[in-house]
Amino acid sequence: MGLFSFLTKEIAIDLGTANTIIIFNDKVVVDEPSIVAIERNTGKIIAVGKKAMMMHGKTHENIKTIRPLRDGVIADFQATEFMIRELIKMVGIKSTLFPPALKMVICIPSGITEVEERAVKDSAEQAGAKDVRLIHEPMAAAIGIGIDVLEPTGNMVIDIGGGTTEIAVIALGGIVNSKSIRIAGDDLSLDIQEYMRKQHNINIGERSSEKIKIEVGSAMTEIDNPPEDYAVHGRDMLTGIPKEITVNYAEIAQCLDKTLAKIEAAVLNALEMTPPELSADIFRTGIYLAGGGSLLRGFDKRLQLKTKLPIHIADDPLRAVARGTGIALKNFNKFPFLIK
């Protein structure tokens, strides 16, 4: 404990393609979409998070909205730095005479390069962090689900986020083998947009396709408790006039099929690469799902039919990774898998 240790504030950040979650004092204090709105002429930040999301797809020429993270990595360095800084302000850390030194654990995809890793660290340091550690997403998800990652037992975790799907086999506090594919929630939304154009001659935006995915998205054409049909509003591609059409879960399941098949193939590939002793463990423990993609209706059942293994969905899968990052923050110097 240093003399000024009371000035050190600890925060855990799950820096996601779709949402960024910040944990401070063991509580989720910020849960905002990863998006910023910028004034083109001056480069000034107008809004971050939910406010910027409300502007997304509705801006005039002097305002642009940027999603600074693409496929789980930083696509726009400056916008990411701005976003982290603004979201940290939302935490509401009271500043005394001296600005507090921030100690951070940030979550990153397991498949990113060293350069991309460096970019995350630099962004955090520019935003005021004095000490930064990184943790891989599947490891954070496993901790957040409640798995004892230090045990000599194999566990398979699949984290389906906005930009990446992370598949990892974890044992003895390390990732034995992992597969990170840049196919996830954003691709499912794009599939829906394309389907609406081709099948219904209607143009819809990113936010509308996300809403369809939540309201009537499904991984199978036959599910228990199917959702009601959903009314979609968009622009008719022939006349240019706004119109409404109704879609049901079965047709959305068909349009998402190809992308979901790619995720399944990656899961089977990861299982093939798993050492036999750990395969035996996975047969007993099953597969754990986290991330927003695991909420897609019927996906667990579809995966179960494909792998013949028990599938468990995490409690509150959207925040499982953030919870794990928060626990890693408490054990800042104890966990061997935190990257310096």
Protein backbone atom coordinates (compact mmCIF):
# COMPACT_ATOMS: atom_id res chain seq x y z
CA MET A 1 0.00 0.00 0.00
CA GLY A 2 1.61 3.24 -1.09
CA LEU A 3 1.15 6.57 0.64
CA PHE A 4 -1.23 7.79 -2.07
CA SER A 5 -2.99 4.47 -2.69
CA PHE A 6 -6.31 6.07 -1.65
CA LEU A 7 -6.05 8.17 -4.82
CA THR A 8 -6.02 5.04 -7.00
CA LYS A 9 -9.38 4.10 -8.47
CA GLU A 10 -9.93 0.66 -9.98
CA ILE A 11 -12.21 0.15 -12.95
CA ALA A 12 -12.94 -2.84 -15.19
CA ILE A 13 -13.93 -2.25 -18.80
CA ASP A 14 -15.55 -4.66 -21.23
CA LEU A 15 -14.75 -2.81 -24.45
CA GLY A 16 -17.23 -4.36 -26.86
CA THR A 17 -18.03 -3.76 -30.52
CA ALA A 18 -21.70 -3.19 -29.68
CA ASN A 19 -21.67 -2.14 -26.00
CA THR A 20 -19.10 -0.96 -23.48
CA ILE A 21 -19.65 -1.86 -19.84
CA ILE A 22 -17.69 -0.33 -16.94
CA ILE A 23 -17.57 -1.82 -13.45
CA PHE A 24 -16.55 0.34 -10.49
CA ASN A 25 -16.79 -0.72 -6.83
CA ASP A 26 -18.22 -4.14 -7.91
CA LYS A 27 -21.17 -2.47 -9.61
CA VAL A 28 -22.02 -1.94 -13.27
CA VAL A 29 -22.00 1.85 -13.44
CA VAL A 30 -21.91 2.36 -17.22
CA ASP A 31 -23.59 0.22 -19.86
CA GLU A 32 -23.65 2.17 -23.12
CA PRO A 33 -23.54 1.42 -26.86
CA SER A 34 -19.99 1.77 -28.29
CA ILE A 35 -20.72 4.73 -30.54
CA VAL A 36 -19.77 8.41 -30.70
CA ALA A 37 -21.30 11.36 -32.55
CA ILE A 38 -18.83 13.93 -33.90
CA GLU A 39 -19.22 17.37 -35.47
CA ARG A 40 -17.47 17.17 -38.84
CA ASN A 41 -16.28 20.81 -39.02
CA THR A 42 -14.69 21.05 -35.59
CA GLY A 43 -14.11 17.38 -34.73
CA LYS A 44 -15.87 18.03 -31.41
CA ILE A 45 -17.60 15.12 -29.64
CA ILE A 46 -21.33 15.85 -29.39
CA ALA A 47 -22.56 12.64 -27.77
CA VAL A 48 -21.41 9.23 -26.61
CA GLY A 49 -23.34 6.01 -25.94
CA LYS A 50 -27.16 6.02 -25.89
CA LYS A 51 -27.45 9.66 -27.01
CA ALA A 52 -25.17 8.99 -29.99
CA MET A 53 -27.09 5.78 -30.77
CA MET A 54 -30.33 7.77 -31.03
CA MET A 55 -28.64 9.90 -33.71
CA HIS A 56 -27.26 6.88 -35.62
CA GLY A 57 -28.64 6.77 -39.17
CA LYS A 58 -30.47 10.09 -38.69
CA THR A 59 -27.66 12.64 -38.98
CA HIS A 60 -27.24 15.60 -41.33
CA GLU A 61 -23.99 16.41 -43.15
CA ASN A 62 -22.33 18.23 -40.24
CA ILE A 63 -22.71 15.33 -37.80
CA LYS A 64 -21.32 11.84 -38.21
CA THR A 65 -21.72 8.84 -35.95
CA ILE A 66 -18.79 6.46 -35.60
CA ARG A 67 -18.60 2.99 -34.13
CA PRO A 68 -14.91 3.11 -33.19
CA LEU A 69 -14.64 -0.65 -32.66
CA ARG A 70 -15.10 -3.07 -35.52
CA ASP A 71 -14.80 -6.84 -35.21
CA GLY A 72 -13.78 -6.45 -31.57
CA VAL A 73 -10.75 -4.27 -32.35
CA ILE A 74 -10.07 -0.57 -32.57
CA ALA A 75 -10.89 0.77 -36.04
CA ASP A 76 -10.69 4.46 -35.12
CA PHE A 77 -8.02 5.19 -32.51
CA GLN A 78 -8.96 8.79 -31.74
CA ALA A 79 -12.70 8.10 -31.46
CA THR A 80 -11.99 5.14 -29.13
CA GLU A 81 -9.86 7.32 -26.87
CA PHE A 82 -12.61 9.98 -26.76
CA MET A 83 -15.22 7.32 -26.05
CA ILE A 84 -13.26 5.72 -23.19
CA ARG A 85 -12.59 9.15 -21.68
CA GLU A 86 -16.24 10.20 -21.85
CA LEU A 87 -17.51 6.88 -20.47
CA ILE A 88 -15.03 7.10 -17.56
CA LYS A 89 -16.47 10.57 -16.81
CA MET A 90 -19.91 8.92 -16.56
CA VAL A 91 -18.57 6.71 -13.75
CA GLY A 92 -18.62 9.86 -11.59
CA ILE A 93 -15.28 9.41 -9.81
CA LYS A 94 -14.99 12.37 -7.49
CA SER A 95 -11.79 14.25 -8.09
CA THR A 96 -9.91 15.54 -5.06
CA LEU A 97 -6.97 17.98 -5.25
CA PHE A 98 -5.14 15.45 -7.40
CA PRO A 99 -6.78 13.62 -10.30
CA PRO A 100 -7.15 9.94 -9.36
CA ALA A 101 -4.74 7.38 -10.82
CA LEU A 102 -6.77 4.79 -12.68
CA LYS A 103 -6.00 1.10 -12.49
CA MET A 104 -7.77 -0.78 -15.28
CA VAL A 105 -8.46 -4.28 -16.52
CA ILE A 106 -9.75 -4.25 -20.10
CA CYS A 107 -11.24 -7.16 -21.98
CA ILE A 108 -9.92 -8.00 -25.48
CA PRO A 109 -10.72 -10.71 -28.09
CA SER A 110 -8.37 -13.70 -27.95
CA GLY A 111 -7.53 -13.50 -31.66
CA ILE A 112 -6.17 -9.95 -31.80
CA THR A 113 -2.63 -9.09 -32.83
CA GLU A 114 0.03 -7.46 -30.65
CA VAL A 115 -0.41 -4.20 -32.56
CA GLU A 116 -4.17 -4.20 -31.82
CA GLU A 117 -3.40 -5.05 -28.18
CA ARG A 118 -1.03 -2.09 -28.01
CA ALA A 119 -3.74 0.16 -29.47
CA VAL A 120 -6.15 -0.79 -26.65
CA LYS A 121 -3.48 -0.09 -24.01
CA ASP A 122 -2.52 3.23 -25.60
CA SER A 123 -6.17 4.32 -25.78
CA ALA A 124 -6.63 3.54 -22.07
CA GLU A 125 -3.40 5.34 -21.11
CA GLN A 126 -4.37 8.39 -23.15
CA ALA A 127 -7.72 8.36 -21.35
CA GLY A 128 -5.94 8.57 -17.97
CA ALA A 129 -5.02 5.01 -16.93
CA LYS A 130 -1.77 4.60 -15.00
CA ASP A 131 -1.75 0.80 -14.84
CA VAL A 132 -3.48 -1.33 -17.48
CA ARG A 133 -3.86 -5.10 -17.68
CA LEU A 134 -5.68 -6.96 -20.43
CA ILE A 135 -7.74 -10.13 -20.21
CA HIS A 136 -8.97 -12.30 -23.06
CA GLU A 137 -12.74 -12.35 -23.57
CA PRO A 138 -13.36 -16.12 -23.23
CA MET A 139 -11.36 -16.17 -19.98
CA ALA A 140 -13.37 -13.22 -18.61
CA ALA A 141 -16.60 -14.90 -19.72
CA ALA A 142 -15.63 -18.15 -17.94
CA ILE A 143 -14.87 -16.27 -14.71
CA GLY A 144 -18.12 -14.29 -15.05
CA ILE A 145 -20.15 -17.48 -15.55
CA GLY A 146 -18.71 -18.82 -12.29
CA ILE A 147 -16.30 -21.47 -13.60
CA ASP A 148 -13.19 -22.09 -11.49
CA VAL A 149 -10.67 -21.45 -14.27
CA LEU A 150 -7.64 -22.46 -12.16
CA GLU A 151 -8.88 -26.07 -11.74
CA PRO A 152 -7.34 -28.86 -13.86
CA THR A 153 -10.69 -29.42 -15.58
CA GLY A 154 -11.48 -28.53 -19.18
CA ASN A 155 -14.35 -26.11 -19.87
CA MET A 156 -15.49 -24.82 -23.23
CA VAL A 157 -16.78 -21.26 -23.41
CA ILE A 158 -18.37 -19.58 -26.42
CA ASP A 159 -18.78 -15.80 -26.28
CA ILE A 160 -20.88 -14.44 -29.16
CA GLY A 161 -20.50 -10.68 -29.13
CA GLY A 162 -21.21 -7.94 -31.66
CA GLY A 163 -18.04 -8.23 -33.74
CA THR A 164 -16.40 -11.52 -32.80
CA THR A 165 -17.31 -15.01 -31.66
CA GLU A 166 -14.75 -16.33 -29.20
CA ILE A 167 -14.52 -20.08 -28.67
CA ALA A 168 -12.02 -21.32 -26.09
CA VAL A 169 -11.15 -24.39 -24.06
CA ILE A 170 -9.90 -23.31 -20.64
CA ALA A 171 -8.00 -25.31 -18.02
CA LEU A 172 -5.45 -24.53 -15.27
CA GLY A 173 -5.87 -20.76 -15.61
CA GLY A 174 -5.00 -20.68 -19.30
CA ILE A 175 -6.54 -20.97 -22.75
CA VAL A 176 -5.57 -24.39 -24.11
CA ASN A 177 -6.92 -23.74 -27.58
CA SER A 178 -9.08 -20.98 -28.95
CA LYS A 179 -10.78 -19.93 -32.13
CA SER A 180 -11.72 -16.33 -32.72
CA ILE A 181 -13.87 -15.63 -35.77
CA ARG A 182 -15.02 -12.22 -36.92
CA ILE A 183 -18.57 -13.41 -37.43
CA ALA A 184 -21.09 -12.42 -34.77
CA GLY A 185 -24.12 -10.23 -33.98
CA ASP A 186 -23.28 -7.52 -36.55
CA ASP A 187 -23.23 -10.13 -39.33
CA LEU A 188 -26.65 -11.41 -38.26
CA SER A 189 -28.00 -7.84 -38.48
CA LEU A 190 -26.50 -7.45 -41.98
CA ASP A 191 -28.13 -10.74 -43.02
CA ILE A 192 -31.51 -9.36 -41.95
CA GLN A 193 -30.95 -6.10 -43.88
CA GLU A 194 -30.01 -8.02 -47.03
CA TYR A 195 -32.96 -10.39 -46.67
CA MET A 196 -35.40 -7.46 -46.37
CA ARG A 197 -33.96 -5.93 -49.54
CA LYS A 198 -34.11 -9.13 -51.59
CA GLN A 199 -37.35 -10.69 -50.31
CA HIS A 200 -39.51 -7.71 -49.44
CA ASN A 201 -37.99 -4.87 -51.51
CA ILE A 202 -37.65 -2.76 -48.40
CA ASN A 203 -34.61 -0.82 -47.23
CA ILE A 204 -34.05 -0.80 -43.46
CA GLY A 205 -31.29 0.67 -41.29
CA GLU A 206 -28.87 -0.86 -38.80
CA ARG A 207 -31.03 -0.05 -35.78
CA SER A 208 -34.17 -1.58 -37.36
CA SER A 209 -32.36 -4.83 -38.22
CA GLU A 210 -31.05 -5.03 -34.64
CA LYS A 211 -34.62 -4.59 -33.38
CA ILE A 212 -35.92 -7.36 -35.67
CA LYS A 213 -33.15 -9.66 -34.40
CA ILE A 214 -34.19 -9.02 -30.78
CA GLU A 215 -37.95 -9.21 -31.35
CA VAL A 216 -38.27 -12.16 -33.77
CA GLY A 217 -34.73 -13.47 -34.27
CA SER A 218 -34.45 -17.25 -34.15
CA ALA A 219 -31.86 -19.94 -34.91
CA MET A 220 -34.43 -22.60 -35.81
CA THR A 221 -37.62 -22.62 -37.87
CA GLU A 222 -39.41 -24.57 -35.14
CA ILE A 223 -39.09 -23.40 -31.54
CA ASP A 224 -41.10 -23.56 -28.33
CA ASN A 225 -42.95 -20.34 -27.40
CA PRO A 226 -42.50 -18.61 -30.78
CA PRO A 227 -42.64 -14.79 -30.74
CA GLU A 228 -45.47 -12.90 -32.41
CA ASP A 229 -45.04 -11.54 -35.94
CA TYR A 230 -43.28 -8.19 -36.05
CA ALA A 231 -44.11 -5.08 -38.09
CA VAL A 232 -41.09 -3.64 -39.92
CA HIS A 233 -40.98 -0.08 -41.26
CA GLY A 234 -38.63 1.05 -44.00
CA ARG A 235 -38.35 2.55 -47.47
CA ASP A 236 -39.89 0.78 -50.44
CA MET A 237 -37.08 0.24 -52.96
CA LEU A 238 -39.37 0.59 -55.98
CA THR A 239 -41.44 3.64 -55.07
CA GLY A 240 -39.19 5.25 -52.41
CA ILE A 241 -42.23 5.65 -50.16
CA PRO A 242 -42.08 4.50 -46.51
CA LYS A 243 -43.98 1.25 -45.98
CA GLU A 244 -44.72 -1.46 -43.42
CA ILE A 245 -44.37 -5.23 -43.77
CA THR A 246 -44.80 -8.07 -41.28
CA VAL A 247 -42.14 -10.73 -40.68
CA ASN A 248 -42.24 -13.91 -38.62
CA TYR A 249 -39.52 -15.78 -36.73
CA ALA A 250 -39.36 -18.69 -39.23
CA GLU A 251 -38.28 -16.52 -42.17
CA ILE A 252 -35.71 -14.71 -40.00
CA ALA A 253 -34.36 -18.16 -38.95
CA GLN A 254 -33.88 -19.02 -42.63
CA CYS A 255 -32.03 -15.79 -43.40
CA LEU A 256 -29.67 -16.24 -40.40
CA ASP A 257 -28.95 -19.89 -41.20
CA LYS A 258 -25.71 -19.40 -43.21
CA THR A 259 -24.01 -17.20 -40.63
CA LEU A 260 -25.03 -19.50 -37.75
CA ALA A 261 -23.65 -22.47 -39.70
CA LYS A 262 -20.25 -20.70 -39.83
CA ILE A 263 -20.30 -20.30 -36.03
CA GLU A 264 -21.20 -23.98 -35.66
CA ALA A 265 -18.33 -24.98 -37.97
CA ALA A 266 -15.89 -22.95 -35.82
CA VAL A 267 -17.18 -24.69 -32.66
CA LEU A 268 -16.68 -28.13 -34.25
CA ASN A 269 -13.21 -27.07 -35.39
CA ALA A 270 -12.29 -26.01 -31.82
CA LEU A 271 -13.58 -29.35 -30.49
CA GLU A 272 -11.41 -31.20 -33.03
CA MET A 273 -8.30 -29.37 -31.80
CA THR A 274 -8.99 -30.14 -28.12
CA PRO A 275 -6.64 -32.62 -26.37
CA PRO A 276 -8.42 -35.94 -25.58
CA GLU A 277 -8.32 -35.59 -21.76
CA LEU A 278 -10.00 -32.19 -22.00
CA SER A 279 -12.54 -33.56 -24.52
CA ALA A 280 -13.56 -36.07 -21.84
CA ASP A 281 -14.10 -33.19 -19.39
CA ILE A 282 -16.14 -31.21 -21.93
CA PHE A 283 -18.33 -34.26 -22.53
CA ARG A 284 -19.22 -34.12 -18.82
CA THR A 285 -19.35 -30.33 -18.28
CA GLY A 286 -20.81 -29.32 -21.64
CA ILE A 287 -20.47 -25.97 -23.41
CA TYR A 288 -21.11 -22.56 -21.81
CA LEU A 289 -22.60 -19.72 -23.85
CA ALA A 290 -22.17 -16.01 -23.10
CA GLY A 291 -22.57 -12.74 -24.99
CA GLY A 292 -25.61 -11.19 -26.66
CA GLY A 293 -25.66 -13.78 -29.47
CA SER A 294 -26.46 -16.56 -27.00
CA LEU A 295 -29.86 -14.90 -26.42
CA LEU A 296 -30.93 -15.77 -29.98
CA ARG A 297 -33.97 -18.05 -29.64
CA GLY A 298 -33.20 -21.72 -30.20
CA PHE A 299 -29.45 -21.28 -30.69
CA ASP A 300 -28.61 -23.44 -27.66
CA LYS A 301 -30.90 -26.19 -28.98
CA ARG A 302 -29.40 -25.96 -32.48
CA LEU A 303 -25.87 -26.24 -31.06
CA GLN A 304 -26.90 -29.15 -28.87
CA LEU A 305 -28.22 -31.06 -31.91
CA LYS A 306 -24.97 -30.36 -33.76
CA THR A 307 -22.49 -31.25 -30.98
CA LYS A 308 -24.58 -33.74 -28.93
CA LEU A 309 -23.26 -31.96 -25.81
CA PRO A 310 -25.14 -30.22 -22.98
CA ILE A 311 -25.36 -26.45 -23.56
CA HIS A 312 -25.58 -23.96 -20.66
CA ILE A 313 -26.48 -20.30 -21.17
CA ALA A 314 -24.92 -17.92 -18.62
CA ASP A 315 -27.13 -15.92 -16.26
CA ASP A 316 -27.33 -12.42 -17.76
CA PRO A 317 -25.09 -13.39 -20.73
CA LEU A 318 -24.72 -9.76 -21.86
CA ARG A 319 -22.77 -8.92 -18.71
CA ALA A 320 -20.93 -12.21 -18.10
CA VAL A 321 -17.70 -10.90 -19.66
CA ALA A 322 -17.93 -7.63 -17.70
CA ARG A 323 -18.51 -9.54 -14.44
CA GLY A 324 -15.45 -11.70 -15.11
CA THR A 325 -13.37 -8.61 -15.89
CA GLY A 326 -14.51 -7.12 -12.56
CA ILE A 327 -13.41 -10.25 -10.67
CA ALA A 328 -10.05 -10.18 -12.49
CA LEU A 329 -9.65 -6.56 -11.35
CA LYS A 330 -9.96 -7.64 -7.70
CA ASN A 331 -7.17 -10.18 -8.30
CA PHE A 332 -5.03 -7.71 -10.22
CA ASN A 333 -1.68 -9.30 -9.38
CA LYS A 334 -2.80 -12.85 -8.59
CA PHE A 335 -4.26 -14.16 -11.83
CA PRO A 336 -1.49 -15.46 -14.12
CA PHE A 337 -3.51 -14.84 -17.28
CA LEU A 338 -3.75 -11.04 -16.97
CA ILE A 339 -1.57 -9.56 -19.74
CA LYS A 340 0.72 -6.76 -18.64
